[in-house]
Amino acid sequence: MREVVADADRKLADASRILTEIEQRIMAAEDKAAAAEIRAHVAETEAREARQSLALVEDAIRRRLLCVSPEASRELYDVA
């Protein structure tokens, strides 16, 4: 009877240890997922800012190319 109880205790201890390891792995995976989500948000923000900067540069280039005379350029910037 003592052997059966001791065996059951060992199995219960093993199961408890395995469960603890699995819980730790789940928490680590959740932490990694959260970090990846934050990196994705940062990348999206940086991409949006880069697109906005590119649009400003493209607009400046267009204005330079379309305004051949200094007078036209001054008029364009005075209106804006």
Protein backbone atom coordinates (compact mmCIF):
# COMPACT_ATOMS: atom_id res chain seq x y z
CA MET A 1 0.00 0.00 0.00
CA ARG A 2 2.87 2.37 0.88
CA GLU A 3 4.49 1.66 -2.48
CA VAL A 4 1.27 2.52 -4.31
CA VAL A 5 0.96 5.79 -2.38
CA ALA A 6 4.63 6.63 -2.92
CA ASP A 7 4.30 5.87 -6.64
CA ALA A 8 1.18 8.04 -6.85
CA ASP A 9 3.01 10.86 -5.04
CA ARG A 10 5.91 10.63 -7.51
CA LYS A 11 3.56 10.70 -10.45
CA LEU A 12 1.69 13.65 -8.97
CA ALA A 13 4.96 15.50 -8.34
CA ASP A 14 6.09 14.79 -11.92
CA ALA A 15 2.77 15.99 -13.32
CA SER A 16 2.97 19.13 -11.19
CA ARG A 17 6.52 19.83 -12.40
CA ILE A 18 5.50 19.32 -16.03
CA LEU A 19 2.49 21.59 -15.58
CA THR A 20 4.71 24.30 -14.09
CA GLU A 21 7.11 24.01 -17.04
CA ILE A 22 4.24 24.26 -19.51
CA GLU A 23 2.85 27.32 -17.74
CA GLN A 24 6.29 28.96 -17.91
CA ARG A 25 6.56 28.19 -21.63
CA ILE A 26 3.10 29.66 -22.22
CA MET A 27 4.03 32.83 -20.34
CA ALA A 28 7.27 33.12 -22.33
CA ALA A 29 5.35 32.67 -25.60
CA GLU A 30 2.84 35.32 -24.54
CA ASP A 31 5.68 37.71 -23.70
CA LYS A 32 7.27 37.09 -27.10
CA ALA A 33 3.93 37.66 -28.83
CA ALA A 34 3.40 40.92 -26.93
CA ALA A 35 6.90 42.10 -27.84
CA ALA A 36 6.30 41.21 -31.50
CA GLU A 37 3.03 43.15 -31.45
CA ILE A 38 4.79 46.20 -30.04
CA ARG A 39 7.51 45.92 -32.70
CA ALA A 40 4.80 45.68 -35.38
CA HIS A 41 3.10 48.83 -34.10
CA VAL A 42 6.42 50.67 -34.05
CA ALA A 43 7.18 49.51 -37.60
CA GLU A 44 3.73 50.63 -38.78
CA THR A 45 4.26 54.06 -37.22
CA GLU A 46 7.71 54.38 -38.77
CA ALA A 47 6.35 53.32 -42.16
CA ARG A 48 3.55 55.88 -41.91
CA GLU A 49 6.05 58.61 -41.01
CA ALA A 50 8.33 57.56 -43.86
CA ARG A 51 5.41 57.73 -46.32
CA GLN A 52 4.55 61.21 -45.05
CA SER A 53 8.17 62.34 -45.38
CA LEU A 54 8.37 60.90 -48.86
CA ALA A 55 5.18 62.73 -49.83
CA LEU A 56 6.70 66.01 -48.59
CA VAL A 57 9.90 65.39 -50.54
CA GLU A 58 7.93 64.49 -53.68
CA ASP A 59 5.86 67.65 -53.29
CA ALA A 60 8.99 69.77 -52.87
CA ILE A 61 10.54 68.20 -55.97
CA ARG A 62 7.38 68.84 -57.99
CA ARG A 63 7.30 72.46 -56.87
CA ARG A 64 10.95 72.90 -57.83
CA LEU A 65 10.47 71.32 -61.24
CA LEU A 66 7.28 73.23 -62.02
CA CYS A 67 8.58 76.62 -60.87
CA VAL A 68 11.30 77.52 -63.32
CA SER A 69 11.52 81.24 -62.53
CA PRO A 70 12.45 82.62 -59.12
CA GLU A 71 9.42 84.96 -59.26
CA ALA A 72 7.02 82.05 -59.76
CA SER A 73 8.71 80.22 -56.92
CA ARG A 74 8.29 83.21 -54.58
CA GLU A 75 4.64 83.55 -55.56
CA LEU A 76 4.03 79.87 -54.91
CA TYR A 77 5.54 80.04 -51.44
CA ASP A 78 3.78 83.32 -50.59
CA VAL A 79 0.39 81.80 -51.40
CA ALA A 80 1.04 78.64 -49.41
